């Protein structure tokens, strides 16, 4: 409280120091230009993939450094959403323990003309559950007379997997395009799901 500020309904103002009196507009910090601030905000990256380390990696390789080797050789399945579509990818190796049983195993399964699914885990389980859902989607299309929805196939898969409490060893990447646009899901063996713009699953 300043002197004289204790009276009811009245508060005296503080004396202005000489230093504050000498303060003028020339000593105040300059106000940033609004145009430059907006340009800086618009120039910021909005997300997505960043390949800025490519130059560093090229320099390291030219200096004799070797890139690290992959330590896992299991299944790798992945998917990414782009403007108007979906890209799904998978390797083709099937193993039995440490033995490569099949070098040309199909891990991208058909569910509907507009929906496909990548599978990791036990090959028999992934093929079985995708064939079951594909047949159910075909029956539903014939009954409804409409294109299959991606969320419908995701619901069928997650209900079946949750019903068996993880005993069906199938980790799935589900992707497709329907009347609502492109959709990409991951479906875990216990029935939980995620919807993301890019995903990967598998032990590799």
C-alpha atoms as a PDB file:
ATOM      1  CA  UNK A   1       0.000   0.000   0.000  1.00  0.00           C
ATOM      2  CA  UNK A   2       1.160   3.453  -0.829  1.00  0.00           C
ATOM      3  CA  UNK A   3       1.072   6.254   1.753  1.00  0.00           C
ATOM      4  CA  UNK A   4      -2.437   7.630   2.081  1.00  0.00           C
ATOM      5  CA  UNK A   5      -4.044   4.549   0.512  1.00  0.00           C
ATOM      6  CA  UNK A   6      -5.637   3.288   3.759  1.00  0.00           C
ATOM      7  CA  UNK A   7      -8.644   5.593   3.715  1.00  0.00           C
ATOM      8  CA  UNK A   8     -11.923   3.955   2.725  1.00  0.00           C
ATOM      9  CA  UNK A   9     -12.838   4.372  -0.933  1.00  0.00           C
ATOM     10  CA  UNK A  10      -9.665   6.257  -1.780  1.00  0.00           C
ATOM     11  CA  UNK A  11      -6.249   5.072  -2.855  1.00  0.00           C
ATOM     12  CA  UNK A  12      -3.405   7.434  -3.549  1.00  0.00           C
ATOM     13  CA  UNK A  13      -1.335   6.874  -6.640  1.00  0.00           C
ATOM     14  CA  UNK A  14       2.318   5.974  -6.358  1.00  0.00           C
ATOM     15  CA  UNK A  15       4.831   8.668  -7.048  1.00  0.00           C
ATOM     16  CA  UNK A  16       6.300   8.400 -10.517  1.00  0.00           C
ATOM     17  CA  UNK A  17      10.041   7.885 -10.367  1.00  0.00           C
ATOM     18  CA  UNK A  18      12.382   9.924 -12.491  1.00  0.00           C
ATOM     19  CA  UNK A  19      13.559   6.753 -14.244  1.00  0.00           C
ATOM     20  CA  UNK A  20      10.012   5.985 -15.376  1.00  0.00           C
ATOM     21  CA  UNK A  21       9.517   9.571 -16.440  1.00  0.00           C
ATOM     22  CA  UNK A  22      12.573   9.340 -18.677  1.00  0.00           C
ATOM     23  CA  UNK A  23      11.211   6.194 -20.335  1.00  0.00           C
ATOM     24  CA  UNK A  24      10.070   6.944 -23.877  1.00  0.00           C
ATOM     25  CA  UNK A  25       9.079   5.111 -27.007  1.00  0.00           C
ATOM     26  CA  UNK A  26      12.636   4.895 -28.257  1.00  0.00           C
ATOM     27  CA  UNK A  27      13.701   2.653 -25.371  1.00  0.00           C
ATOM     28  CA  UNK A  28      10.639   0.348 -25.598  1.00  0.00           C
ATOM     29  CA  UNK A  29      11.112  -2.985 -27.391  1.00  0.00           C
ATOM     30  CA  UNK A  30      10.141  -2.910 -31.029  1.00  0.00           C
ATOM     31  CA  UNK A  31       6.777  -4.483 -31.846  1.00  0.00           C
ATOM     32  CA  UNK A  32       7.187  -7.457 -34.192  1.00  0.00           C
ATOM     33  CA  UNK A  33       5.890  -7.023 -37.671  1.00  0.00           C
ATOM     34  CA  UNK A  34       2.542  -8.824 -38.011  1.00  0.00           C
ATOM     35  CA  UNK A  35       3.278  -9.878 -41.569  1.00  0.00           C
ATOM     36  CA  UNK A  36       6.600 -11.473 -40.610  1.00  0.00           C
ATOM     37  CA  UNK A  37       4.994 -13.343 -37.680  1.00  0.00           C
ATOM     38  CA  UNK A  38       2.269 -14.785 -39.908  1.00  0.00           C
ATOM     39  CA  UNK A  39       4.845 -15.807 -42.501  1.00  0.00           C
ATOM     40  CA  UNK A  40       6.829 -17.635 -39.821  1.00  0.00           C
ATOM     41  CA  UNK A  41       3.735 -19.477 -38.617  1.00  0.00           C
ATOM     42  CA  UNK A  42       2.760 -20.492 -42.151  1.00  0.00           C
ATOM     43  CA  UNK A  43       6.319 -21.603 -42.881  1.00  0.00           C
ATOM     44  CA  UNK A  44       6.270 -24.167 -40.047  1.00  0.00           C
ATOM     45  CA  UNK A  45       5.906 -27.802 -41.132  1.00  0.00           C
ATOM     46  CA  UNK A  46       2.418 -29.179 -40.535  1.00  0.00           C
ATOM     47  CA  UNK A  47       3.523 -32.741 -39.769  1.00  0.00           C
ATOM     48  CA  UNK A  48       4.022 -35.843 -41.848  1.00  0.00           C
ATOM     49  CA  UNK A  49       7.309 -37.487 -42.778  1.00  0.00           C
ATOM     50  CA  UNK A  50      10.634 -35.737 -42.212  1.00  0.00           C
ATOM     51  CA  UNK A  51      13.567 -36.654 -44.453  1.00  0.00           C
ATOM     52  CA  UNK A  52      15.968 -34.024 -43.089  1.00  0.00           C
ATOM     53  CA  UNK A  53      18.373 -36.721 -41.823  1.00  0.00           C
ATOM     54  CA  UNK A  54      18.960 -38.004 -45.354  1.00  0.00           C
ATOM     55  CA  UNK A  55      21.844 -35.560 -45.863  1.00  0.00           C
ATOM     56  CA  UNK A  56      23.457 -36.601 -42.573  1.00  0.00           C
ATOM     57  CA  UNK A  57      23.117 -40.306 -43.418  1.00  0.00           C
ATOM     58  CA  UNK A  58      24.650 -39.775 -46.855  1.00  0.00           C
ATOM     59  CA  UNK A  59      27.596 -37.950 -45.289  1.00  0.00           C
ATOM     60  CA  UNK A  60      28.132 -40.745 -42.752  1.00  0.00           C
ATOM     61  CA  UNK A  61      28.071 -43.398 -45.475  1.00  0.00           C
ATOM     62  CA  UNK A  62      30.561 -41.440 -47.605  1.00  0.00           C
ATOM     63  CA  UNK A  63      32.918 -41.195 -44.617  1.00  0.00           C
ATOM     64  CA  UNK A  64      32.993 -44.986 -44.281  1.00  0.00           C
ATOM     65  CA  UNK A  65      30.367 -45.499 -41.568  1.00  0.00           C
ATOM     66  CA  UNK A  66      28.201 -48.563 -42.057  1.00  0.00           C
ATOM     67  CA  UNK A  67      24.455 -48.419 -41.387  1.00  0.00           C
ATOM     68  CA  UNK A  68      23.218 -50.641 -38.523  1.00  0.00           C
ATOM     69  CA  UNK A  69      22.027 -54.107 -39.464  1.00  0.00           C
ATOM     70  CA  UNK A  70      18.510 -55.318 -38.754  1.00  0.00           C
ATOM     71  CA  UNK A  71      18.390 -57.576 -35.708  1.00  0.00           C
ATOM     72  CA  UNK A  72      14.860 -58.939 -36.260  1.00  0.00           C
ATOM     73  CA  UNK A  73      13.661 -60.868 -39.294  1.00  0.00           C
ATOM     74  CA  UNK A  74      10.022 -61.424 -38.380  1.00  0.00           C
ATOM     75  CA  UNK A  75       6.911 -60.281 -40.217  1.00  0.00           C
ATOM     76  CA  UNK A  76       6.575 -56.616 -41.101  1.00  0.00           C
ATOM     77  CA  UNK A  77       3.210 -55.226 -42.195  1.00  0.00           C
ATOM     78  CA  UNK A  78       2.440 -51.558 -42.619  1.00  0.00           C
ATOM     79  CA  UNK A  79       0.008 -49.111 -44.144  1.00  0.00           C
ATOM     80  CA  UNK A  80      -0.289 -45.404 -44.854  1.00  0.00           C
ATOM     81  CA  UNK A  81      -3.122 -43.080 -45.839  1.00  0.00           C
ATOM     82  CA  UNK A  82      -2.651 -40.639 -48.703  1.00  0.00           C
ATOM     83  CA  UNK A  83      -5.013 -38.145 -50.309  1.00  0.00           C
ATOM     84  CA  UNK A  84      -7.781 -40.361 -51.620  1.00  0.00           C
ATOM     85  CA  UNK A  85      -6.399 -43.826 -50.967  1.00  0.00           C
ATOM     86  CA  UNK A  86      -4.485 -46.371 -48.912  1.00  0.00           C
ATOM     87  CA  UNK A  87      -1.113 -48.095 -49.400  1.00  0.00           C
ATOM     88  CA  UNK A  88      -0.576 -51.477 -47.711  1.00  0.00           C
ATOM     89  CA  UNK A  89       2.708 -53.359 -47.602  1.00  0.00           C
ATOM     90  CA  UNK A  90       3.953 -56.688 -46.236  1.00  0.00           C
ATOM     91  CA  UNK A  91       6.874 -59.058 -46.580  1.00  0.00           C
ATOM     92  CA  UNK A  92       6.432 -62.601 -47.945  1.00  0.00           C
ATOM     93  CA  UNK A  93       8.473 -64.755 -45.540  1.00  0.00           C
ATOM     94  CA  UNK A  94       6.788 -67.429 -43.412  1.00  0.00           C
ATOM     95  CA  UNK A  95       8.866 -69.139 -40.724  1.00  0.00           C
ATOM     96  CA  UNK A  96       8.587 -72.199 -38.502  1.00  0.00           C
ATOM     97  CA  UNK A  97      10.847 -71.340 -35.613  1.00  0.00           C
ATOM     98  CA  UNK A  98      14.255 -70.633 -37.146  1.00  0.00           C
ATOM     99  CA  UNK A  99      13.357 -72.334 -40.446  1.00  0.00           C
ATOM    100  CA  UNK A 100      12.040 -70.372 -43.424  1.00  0.00           C
ATOM    101  CA  UNK A 101       9.056 -72.466 -44.512  1.00  0.00           C
ATOM    102  CA  UNK A 102       7.814 -70.271 -47.364  1.00  0.00           C
ATOM    103  CA  UNK A 103       9.537 -67.400 -49.142  1.00  0.00           C
ATOM    104  CA  UNK A 104       6.436 -66.371 -51.086  1.00  0.00           C
ATOM    105  CA  UNK A 105       3.647 -66.260 -48.500  1.00  0.00           C
ATOM    106  CA  UNK A 106       0.692 -63.988 -49.276  1.00  0.00           C
ATOM    107  CA  UNK A 107       0.175 -61.725 -46.262  1.00  0.00           C
ATOM    108  CA  UNK A 108      -2.189 -59.212 -47.881  1.00  0.00           C
ATOM    109  CA  UNK A 109      -5.672 -60.723 -47.783  1.00  0.00           C
ATOM    110  CA  UNK A 110      -8.778 -59.822 -49.747  1.00  0.00           C
ATOM    111  CA  UNK A 111     -11.845 -58.809 -47.732  1.00  0.00           C
ATOM    112  CA  UNK A 112     -13.893 -56.855 -50.282  1.00  0.00           C
ATOM    113  CA  UNK A 113     -13.265 -55.160 -53.643  1.00  0.00           C
ATOM    114  CA  UNK A 114     -12.434 -51.957 -51.753  1.00  0.00           C
ATOM    115  CA  UNK A 115     -10.959 -53.438 -48.549  1.00  0.00           C
ATOM    116  CA  UNK A 116      -7.762 -55.431 -47.963  1.00  0.00           C
ATOM    117  CA  UNK A 117      -6.016 -56.613 -44.822  1.00  0.00           C
ATOM    118  CA  UNK A 118      -2.392 -57.431 -43.909  1.00  0.00           C
ATOM    119  CA  UNK A 119      -1.858 -60.216 -41.406  1.00  0.00           C
ATOM    120  CA  UNK A 120       0.936 -61.038 -38.963  1.00  0.00           C
ATOM    121  CA  UNK A 121       1.088 -63.897 -36.497  1.00  0.00           C
ATOM    122  CA  UNK A 122       0.030 -67.481 -37.152  1.00  0.00           C
ATOM    123  CA  UNK A 123      -0.512 -67.833 -40.904  1.00  0.00           C
ATOM    124  CA  UNK A 124      -3.435 -70.241 -40.506  1.00  0.00           C
ATOM    125  CA  UNK A 125      -5.212 -67.875 -38.112  1.00  0.00           C
ATOM    126  CA  UNK A 126      -4.796 -64.813 -40.323  1.00  0.00           C
ATOM    127  CA  UNK A 127      -6.029 -66.655 -43.421  1.00  0.00           C
ATOM    128  CA  UNK A 128      -8.951 -68.228 -41.572  1.00  0.00           C
ATOM    129  CA  UNK A 129     -10.310 -65.078 -39.954  1.00  0.00           C
ATOM    130  CA  UNK A 130      -9.901 -62.961 -43.092  1.00  0.00           C
ATOM    131  CA  UNK A 131     -11.714 -65.583 -45.212  1.00  0.00           C
ATOM    132  CA  UNK A 132     -14.535 -65.712 -42.653  1.00  0.00           C
ATOM    133  CA  UNK A 133     -14.956 -61.921 -42.641  1.00  0.00           C
ATOM    134  CA  UNK A 134     -14.685 -61.773 -46.437  1.00  0.00           C
ATOM    135  CA  UNK A 135     -17.559 -64.256 -46.806  1.00  0.00           C
ATOM    136  CA  UNK A 136     -19.676 -62.368 -44.266  1.00  0.00           C
ATOM    137  CA  UNK A 137     -19.041 -59.091 -46.099  1.00  0.00           C
ATOM    138  CA  UNK A 138     -20.065 -60.722 -49.386  1.00  0.00           C
ATOM    139  CA  UNK A 139     -23.359 -61.878 -47.858  1.00  0.00           C
ATOM    140  CA  UNK A 140     -23.954 -58.418 -46.403  1.00  0.00           C
ATOM    141  CA  UNK A 141     -23.292 -56.755 -49.774  1.00  0.00           C
ATOM    142  CA  UNK A 142     -25.783 -59.048 -51.493  1.00  0.00           C
ATOM    143  CA  UNK A 143     -28.372 -58.375 -48.805  1.00  0.00           C
ATOM    144  CA  UNK A 144     -27.929 -54.595 -48.649  1.00  0.00           C
ATOM    145  CA  UNK A 145     -27.051 -53.962 -52.286  1.00  0.00           C
ATOM    146  CA  UNK A 146     -24.335 -51.483 -51.258  1.00  0.00           C
ATOM    147  CA  UNK A 147     -20.565 -51.288 -51.050  1.00  0.00           C
ATOM    148  CA  UNK A 148     -18.870 -52.670 -47.936  1.00  0.00           C
ATOM    149  CA  UNK A 149     -17.792 -50.145 -45.313  1.00  0.00           C
ATOM    150  CA  UNK A 150     -14.317 -50.351 -43.794  1.00  0.00           C
ATOM    151  CA  UNK A 151     -15.667 -49.817 -40.274  1.00  0.00           C
ATOM    152  CA  UNK A 152     -18.001 -52.804 -40.774  1.00  0.00           C
ATOM    153  CA  UNK A 153     -15.105 -55.138 -41.570  1.00  0.00           C
ATOM    154  CA  UNK A 154     -13.128 -53.729 -38.632  1.00  0.00           C
ATOM    155  CA  UNK A 155     -16.051 -54.407 -36.284  1.00  0.00           C
ATOM    156  CA  UNK A 156     -16.402 -57.988 -37.547  1.00  0.00           C
ATOM    157  CA  UNK A 157     -12.693 -58.647 -37.041  1.00  0.00           C
ATOM    158  CA  UNK A 158     -12.457 -57.138 -33.558  1.00  0.00           C
ATOM    159  CA  UNK A 159     -15.586 -58.928 -32.311  1.00  0.00           C
ATOM    160  CA  UNK A 160     -14.306 -62.305 -33.484  1.00  0.00           C
ATOM    161  CA  UNK A 161     -10.854 -61.747 -31.963  1.00  0.00           C
ATOM    162  CA  UNK A 162     -12.240 -60.443 -28.668  1.00  0.00           C
ATOM    163  CA  UNK A 163     -14.590 -63.421 -28.480  1.00  0.00           C
ATOM    164  CA  UNK A 164     -11.567 -65.768 -28.445  1.00  0.00           C
ATOM    165  CA  UNK A 165      -9.570 -63.622 -25.974  1.00  0.00           C
ATOM    166  CA  UNK A 166      -6.305 -63.621 -27.908  1.00  0.00           C
ATOM    167  CA  UNK A 167      -6.191 -67.338 -28.718  1.00  0.00           C
ATOM    168  CA  UNK A 168      -6.483 -66.428 -32.418  1.00  0.00           C
ATOM    169  CA  UNK A 169      -2.948 -65.213 -33.097  1.00  0.00           C
ATOM    170  CA  UNK A 170      -3.744 -62.621 -35.753  1.00  0.00           C
ATOM    171  CA  UNK A 171      -2.411 -59.046 -35.743  1.00  0.00           C
ATOM    172  CA  UNK A 172      -3.981 -57.176 -38.627  1.00  0.00           C
ATOM    173  CA  UNK A 173      -3.567 -53.936 -40.554  1.00  0.00           C
ATOM    174  CA  UNK A 174      -6.883 -53.157 -42.205  1.00  0.00           C
ATOM    175  CA  UNK A 175      -7.204 -50.578 -44.969  1.00  0.00           C
ATOM    176  CA  UNK A 176      -9.779 -49.553 -47.524  1.00  0.00           C
ATOM    177  CA  UNK A 177     -11.712 -46.768 -49.209  1.00  0.00           C
ATOM    178  CA  UNK A 178     -15.496 -46.446 -49.009  1.00  0.00           C
ATOM    179  CA  UNK A 179     -18.120 -43.739 -49.423  1.00  0.00           C
ATOM    180  CA  UNK A 180     -16.707 -41.877 -46.407  1.00  0.00           C
ATOM    181  CA  UNK A 181     -13.102 -41.858 -47.655  1.00  0.00           C
ATOM    182  CA  UNK A 182      -9.907 -43.803 -46.890  1.00  0.00           C
ATOM    183  CA  UNK A 183      -9.568 -45.572 -43.522  1.00  0.00           C
ATOM    184  CA  UNK A 184      -6.660 -47.409 -41.894  1.00  0.00           C
ATOM    185  CA  UNK A 185      -6.918 -49.533 -38.728  1.00  0.00           C
ATOM    186  CA  UNK A 186      -4.750 -51.821 -36.659  1.00  0.00           C
ATOM    187  CA  UNK A 187      -6.503 -54.793 -35.064  1.00  0.00           C
ATOM    188  CA  UNK A 188      -4.683 -56.573 -32.237  1.00  0.00           C
ATOM    189  CA  UNK A 189      -5.108 -60.280 -31.351  1.00  0.00           C
ATOM    190  CA  UNK A 190      -7.194 -59.439 -28.253  1.00  0.00           C
ATOM    191  CA  UNK A 191      -9.612 -57.287 -30.263  1.00  0.00           C
ATOM    192  CA  UNK A 192      -8.401 -53.753 -29.540  1.00  0.00           C
ATOM    193  CA  UNK A 193      -8.146 -51.367 -32.491  1.00  0.00           C
ATOM    194  CA  UNK A 194      -6.475 -48.096 -33.457  1.00  0.00           C
ATOM    195  CA  UNK A 195      -7.228 -45.723 -36.310  1.00  0.00           C
ATOM    196  CA  UNK A 196      -4.115 -43.853 -37.464  1.00  0.00           C
ATOM    197  CA  UNK A 197      -2.743 -42.173 -40.629  1.00  0.00           C
ATOM    198  CA  UNK A 198       0.189 -44.612 -40.791  1.00  0.00           C
ATOM    199  CA  UNK A 199       0.723 -47.882 -38.914  1.00  0.00           C
ATOM    200  CA  UNK A 200       3.043 -50.862 -38.676  1.00  0.00           C
ATOM    201  CA  UNK A 201       2.766 -54.220 -36.937  1.00  0.00           C
ATOM    202  CA  UNK A 202       4.575 -57.515 -36.742  1.00  0.00           C
ATOM    203  CA  UNK A 203       7.644 -58.810 -34.922  1.00  0.00           C
ATOM    204  CA  UNK A 204       9.959 -57.511 -37.658  1.00  0.00           C
END
